[in-house]
Protein backbone atom coordinates (compact mmCIF):
# COMPACT_ATOMS: atom_id res chain seq x y z
CA UNK A 1 0.00 0.00 0.00
CA UNK A 2 2.85 2.37 0.85
CA UNK A 3 4.39 1.86 -2.57
CA UNK A 4 1.20 2.93 -4.35
CA UNK A 5 0.95 6.16 -2.34
CA UNK A 6 4.64 7.09 -2.59
CA UNK A 7 4.58 6.85 -6.41
CA UNK A 8 2.74 10.17 -6.55
CA UNK A 9 2.97 11.69 -3.05
CA UNK A 10 5.54 12.10 -0.31
CA UNK A 11 5.70 13.89 3.05
CA UNK A 12 7.70 13.35 6.24
CA UNK A 13 6.34 10.30 8.07
CA UNK A 14 4.38 8.97 5.08
CA UNK A 15 4.93 5.30 5.94
CA UNK A 16 3.95 5.83 9.59
CA UNK A 17 0.76 7.68 8.60
CA UNK A 18 -0.19 5.02 6.06
CA UNK A 19 0.42 2.28 8.64
CA UNK A 20 -1.82 4.03 11.18
CA UNK A 21 -4.54 4.54 8.59
CA UNK A 22 -4.50 0.93 7.43
CA UNK A 23 -4.39 -0.35 11.03
CA UNK A 24 -7.60 1.48 11.84
CA UNK A 25 -9.43 0.75 8.60
CA UNK A 26 -11.94 -2.06 9.06
CA UNK A 27 -11.86 -3.45 5.50
CA UNK A 28 -8.05 -3.70 5.52
CA UNK A 29 -8.16 -5.72 8.74
CA UNK A 30 -10.73 -8.12 7.28
CA UNK A 31 -8.81 -8.97 4.10
CA UNK A 32 -5.35 -8.83 5.66
CA UNK A 33 -3.04 -11.76 4.83
CA UNK A 34 -1.96 -13.59 7.97
CA UNK A 35 1.63 -14.81 7.97
CA UNK A 36 1.32 -17.11 11.00
CA UNK A 37 1.36 -20.83 10.43
CA UNK A 38 -1.96 -22.62 10.64
CA UNK A 39 -2.71 -24.24 13.97
CA UNK A 40 -3.55 -27.66 12.56
CA UNK A 41 -6.52 -29.94 12.27
CA UNK A 42 -9.23 -29.98 14.88
CA UNK A 43 -9.20 -32.94 17.22
CA UNK A 44 -12.39 -34.76 18.03
CA UNK A 45 -13.24 -34.91 21.69
CA UNK A 46 -13.18 -38.35 23.23
CA UNK A 47 -16.40 -40.35 23.36
CA UNK A 48 -17.40 -41.49 26.85
CA UNK A 49 -17.16 -45.24 27.32
CA UNK A 50 -19.90 -45.78 29.91
CA UNK A 51 -23.42 -44.41 30.19
CA UNK A 52 -23.95 -41.57 32.67
CA UNK A 53 -20.29 -40.61 32.82
CA UNK A 54 -20.66 -37.34 30.89
CA UNK A 55 -23.83 -35.31 31.40
CA UNK A 56 -24.73 -31.77 30.51
CA UNK A 57 -27.43 -30.01 32.54
CA UNK A 58 -28.90 -26.56 32.07
CA UNK A 59 -32.01 -24.57 32.96
CA UNK A 60 -34.33 -22.78 30.57
CA UNK A 61 -35.94 -20.02 32.61
CA UNK A 62 -38.30 -17.05 32.29
CA UNK A 63 -41.03 -19.13 30.64
CA UNK A 64 -44.77 -18.62 31.04
CA UNK A 65 -46.13 -20.12 34.25
CA UNK A 66 -48.04 -23.34 33.69
CA UNK A 67 -49.27 -25.16 36.82
CA UNK A 68 -46.89 -23.01 38.90
CA UNK A 69 -43.80 -24.03 36.94
CA UNK A 70 -41.89 -21.59 34.76
CA UNK A 71 -38.57 -23.31 34.04
CA UNK A 72 -37.28 -26.48 32.39
CA UNK A 73 -34.30 -28.55 33.50
CA UNK A 74 -32.55 -30.03 30.45
CA UNK A 75 -30.26 -33.02 31.02
CA UNK A 76 -28.27 -34.44 28.08
CA UNK A 77 -26.41 -37.76 28.13
CA UNK A 78 -23.55 -37.51 25.67
CA UNK A 79 -23.05 -41.24 24.99
CA UNK A 80 -26.67 -42.22 24.34
CA UNK A 81 -27.56 -38.76 23.00
CA UNK A 82 -30.72 -38.81 25.07
CA UNK A 83 -32.19 -35.56 26.33
CA UNK A 84 -34.48 -35.28 29.33
CA UNK A 85 -36.76 -32.31 29.93
CA UNK A 86 -38.12 -31.78 33.44
CA UNK A 87 -40.49 -28.93 34.33
CA UNK A 88 -39.59 -27.09 37.50
CA UNK A 89 -39.73 -23.73 39.25
CA UNK A 90 -37.15 -21.02 38.74
CA UNK A 91 -36.28 -20.90 42.45
CA UNK A 92 -35.07 -24.52 42.59
CA UNK A 93 -32.26 -25.00 45.12
CA UNK A 94 -29.51 -27.64 45.09
CA UNK A 95 -31.60 -30.13 47.09
CA UNK A 96 -34.50 -29.68 44.70
CA UNK A 97 -32.19 -30.21 41.74
CA UNK A 98 -30.97 -33.49 43.23
CA UNK A 99 -34.57 -34.64 43.75
CA UNK A 100 -35.53 -33.69 40.20
CA UNK A 101 -32.55 -35.54 38.82
CA UNK A 102 -33.17 -38.65 40.97
CA UNK A 103 -36.91 -38.83 40.26
CA UNK A 104 -36.98 -37.97 36.57
CA UNK A 105 -33.72 -38.92 34.90
C-alpha atoms as a PDB file:
ATOM      1  CA  UNK A   1       0.000   0.000   0.000  1.00  0.00           C
ATOM      2  CA  UNK A   2       2.851   2.372   0.849  1.00  0.00           C
ATOM      3  CA  UNK A   3       4.389   1.862  -2.575  1.00  0.00           C
ATOM      4  CA  UNK A   4       1.196   2.931  -4.350  1.00  0.00           C
ATOM      5  CA  UNK A   5       0.951   6.163  -2.338  1.00  0.00           C
ATOM      6  CA  UNK A   6       4.637   7.089  -2.587  1.00  0.00           C
ATOM      7  CA  UNK A   7       4.581   6.849  -6.406  1.00  0.00           C
ATOM      8  CA  UNK A   8       2.737  10.175  -6.545  1.00  0.00           C
ATOM      9  CA  UNK A   9       2.973  11.690  -3.053  1.00  0.00           C
ATOM     10  CA  UNK A  10       5.542  12.103  -0.314  1.00  0.00           C
ATOM     11  CA  UNK A  11       5.698  13.886   3.054  1.00  0.00           C
ATOM     12  CA  UNK A  12       7.704  13.351   6.244  1.00  0.00           C
ATOM     13  CA  UNK A  13       6.343  10.295   8.070  1.00  0.00           C
ATOM     14  CA  UNK A  14       4.379   8.975   5.076  1.00  0.00           C
ATOM     15  CA  UNK A  15       4.926   5.298   5.937  1.00  0.00           C
ATOM     16  CA  UNK A  16       3.948   5.831   9.587  1.00  0.00           C
ATOM     17  CA  UNK A  17       0.765   7.682   8.597  1.00  0.00           C
ATOM     18  CA  UNK A  18      -0.193   5.023   6.058  1.00  0.00           C
ATOM     19  CA  UNK A  19       0.418   2.280   8.636  1.00  0.00           C
ATOM     20  CA  UNK A  20      -1.818   4.029  11.184  1.00  0.00           C
ATOM     21  CA  UNK A  21      -4.538   4.543   8.588  1.00  0.00           C
ATOM     22  CA  UNK A  22      -4.499   0.929   7.429  1.00  0.00           C
ATOM     23  CA  UNK A  23      -4.386  -0.353  11.030  1.00  0.00           C
ATOM     24  CA  UNK A  24      -7.605   1.481  11.840  1.00  0.00           C
ATOM     25  CA  UNK A  25      -9.434   0.751   8.602  1.00  0.00           C
ATOM     26  CA  UNK A  26     -11.941  -2.060   9.060  1.00  0.00           C
ATOM     27  CA  UNK A  27     -11.856  -3.446   5.500  1.00  0.00           C
ATOM     28  CA  UNK A  28      -8.054  -3.700   5.516  1.00  0.00           C
ATOM     29  CA  UNK A  29      -8.159  -5.717   8.740  1.00  0.00           C
ATOM     30  CA  UNK A  30     -10.731  -8.118   7.283  1.00  0.00           C
ATOM     31  CA  UNK A  31      -8.812  -8.966   4.098  1.00  0.00           C
ATOM     32  CA  UNK A  32      -5.349  -8.832   5.655  1.00  0.00           C
ATOM     33  CA  UNK A  33      -3.044 -11.757   4.834  1.00  0.00           C
ATOM     34  CA  UNK A  34      -1.958 -13.589   7.974  1.00  0.00           C
ATOM     35  CA  UNK A  35       1.631 -14.806   7.967  1.00  0.00           C
ATOM     36  CA  UNK A  36       1.322 -17.105  10.999  1.00  0.00           C
ATOM     37  CA  UNK A  37       1.357 -20.827  10.427  1.00  0.00           C
ATOM     38  CA  UNK A  38      -1.961 -22.623  10.643  1.00  0.00           C
ATOM     39  CA  UNK A  39      -2.710 -24.244  13.971  1.00  0.00           C
ATOM     40  CA  UNK A  40      -3.547 -27.656  12.559  1.00  0.00           C
ATOM     41  CA  UNK A  41      -6.518 -29.937  12.271  1.00  0.00           C
ATOM     42  CA  UNK A  42      -9.230 -29.979  14.885  1.00  0.00           C
ATOM     43  CA  UNK A  43      -9.199 -32.937  17.225  1.00  0.00           C
ATOM     44  CA  UNK A  44     -12.394 -34.763  18.027  1.00  0.00           C
ATOM     45  CA  UNK A  45     -13.239 -34.912  21.688  1.00  0.00           C
ATOM     46  CA  UNK A  46     -13.176 -38.355  23.233  1.00  0.00           C
ATOM     47  CA  UNK A  47     -16.395 -40.352  23.365  1.00  0.00           C
ATOM     48  CA  UNK A  48     -17.404 -41.495  26.853  1.00  0.00           C
ATOM     49  CA  UNK A  49     -17.157 -45.245  27.316  1.00  0.00           C
ATOM     50  CA  UNK A  50     -19.904 -45.776  29.906  1.00  0.00           C
ATOM     51  CA  UNK A  51     -23.418 -44.413  30.194  1.00  0.00           C
ATOM     52  CA  UNK A  52     -23.954 -41.573  32.672  1.00  0.00           C
ATOM     53  CA  UNK A  53     -20.287 -40.609  32.823  1.00  0.00           C
ATOM     54  CA  UNK A  54     -20.662 -37.341  30.887  1.00  0.00           C
ATOM     55  CA  UNK A  55     -23.828 -35.307  31.403  1.00  0.00           C
ATOM     56  CA  UNK A  56     -24.732 -31.768  30.507  1.00  0.00           C
ATOM     57  CA  UNK A  57     -27.434 -30.006  32.535  1.00  0.00           C
ATOM     58  CA  UNK A  58     -28.903 -26.558  32.073  1.00  0.00           C
ATOM     59  CA  UNK A  59     -32.009 -24.567  32.962  1.00  0.00           C
ATOM     60  CA  UNK A  60     -34.327 -22.779  30.565  1.00  0.00           C
ATOM     61  CA  UNK A  61     -35.943 -20.018  32.612  1.00  0.00           C
ATOM     62  CA  UNK A  62     -38.296 -17.050  32.293  1.00  0.00           C
ATOM     63  CA  UNK A  63     -41.033 -19.132  30.644  1.00  0.00           C
ATOM     64  CA  UNK A  64     -44.766 -18.618  31.044  1.00  0.00           C
ATOM     65  CA  UNK A  65     -46.127 -20.123  34.249  1.00  0.00           C
ATOM     66  CA  UNK A  66     -48.041 -23.336  33.692  1.00  0.00           C
ATOM     67  CA  UNK A  67     -49.270 -25.156  36.816  1.00  0.00           C
ATOM     68  CA  UNK A  68     -46.891 -23.007  38.898  1.00  0.00           C
ATOM     69  CA  UNK A  69     -43.801 -24.028  36.944  1.00  0.00           C
ATOM     70  CA  UNK A  70     -41.886 -21.588  34.764  1.00  0.00           C
ATOM     71  CA  UNK A  71     -38.571 -23.309  34.044  1.00  0.00           C
ATOM     72  CA  UNK A  72     -37.282 -26.476  32.392  1.00  0.00           C
ATOM     73  CA  UNK A  73     -34.300 -28.552  33.500  1.00  0.00           C
ATOM     74  CA  UNK A  74     -32.552 -30.027  30.452  1.00  0.00           C
ATOM     75  CA  UNK A  75     -30.256 -33.023  31.016  1.00  0.00           C
ATOM     76  CA  UNK A  76     -28.271 -34.443  28.078  1.00  0.00           C
ATOM     77  CA  UNK A  77     -26.414 -37.760  28.135  1.00  0.00           C
ATOM     78  CA  UNK A  78     -23.548 -37.515  25.674  1.00  0.00           C
ATOM     79  CA  UNK A  79     -23.053 -41.241  24.991  1.00  0.00           C
ATOM     80  CA  UNK A  80     -26.671 -42.224  24.345  1.00  0.00           C
ATOM     81  CA  UNK A  81     -27.559 -38.759  23.001  1.00  0.00           C
ATOM     82  CA  UNK A  82     -30.719 -38.807  25.072  1.00  0.00           C
ATOM     83  CA  UNK A  83     -32.187 -35.559  26.328  1.00  0.00           C
ATOM     84  CA  UNK A  84     -34.481 -35.284  29.332  1.00  0.00           C
ATOM     85  CA  UNK A  85     -36.758 -32.306  29.927  1.00  0.00           C
ATOM     86  CA  UNK A  86     -38.124 -31.777  33.439  1.00  0.00           C
ATOM     87  CA  UNK A  87     -40.488 -28.933  34.333  1.00  0.00           C
ATOM     88  CA  UNK A  88     -39.592 -27.087  37.498  1.00  0.00           C
ATOM     89  CA  UNK A  89     -39.728 -23.731  39.251  1.00  0.00           C
ATOM     90  CA  UNK A  90     -37.154 -21.016  38.740  1.00  0.00           C
ATOM     91  CA  UNK A  91     -36.284 -20.898  42.449  1.00  0.00           C
ATOM     92  CA  UNK A  92     -35.066 -24.524  42.590  1.00  0.00           C
ATOM     93  CA  UNK A  93     -32.261 -25.004  45.118  1.00  0.00           C
ATOM     94  CA  UNK A  94     -29.506 -27.639  45.093  1.00  0.00           C
ATOM     95  CA  UNK A  95     -31.595 -30.129  47.093  1.00  0.00           C
ATOM     96  CA  UNK A  96     -34.499 -29.681  44.698  1.00  0.00           C
ATOM     97  CA  UNK A  97     -32.193 -30.207  41.741  1.00  0.00           C
ATOM     98  CA  UNK A  98     -30.975 -33.491  43.227  1.00  0.00           C
ATOM     99  CA  UNK A  99     -34.568 -34.642  43.751  1.00  0.00           C
ATOM    100  CA  UNK A 100     -35.531 -33.687  40.198  1.00  0.00           C
ATOM    101  CA  UNK A 101     -32.551 -35.545  38.820  1.00  0.00           C
ATOM    102  CA  UNK A 102     -33.170 -38.652  40.972  1.00  0.00           C
ATOM    103  CA  UNK A 103     -36.910 -38.831  40.257  1.00  0.00           C
ATOM    104  CA  UNK A 104     -36.984 -37.970  36.566  1.00  0.00           C
ATOM    105  CA  UNK A 105     -33.722 -38.917  34.903  1.00  0.00           C
END
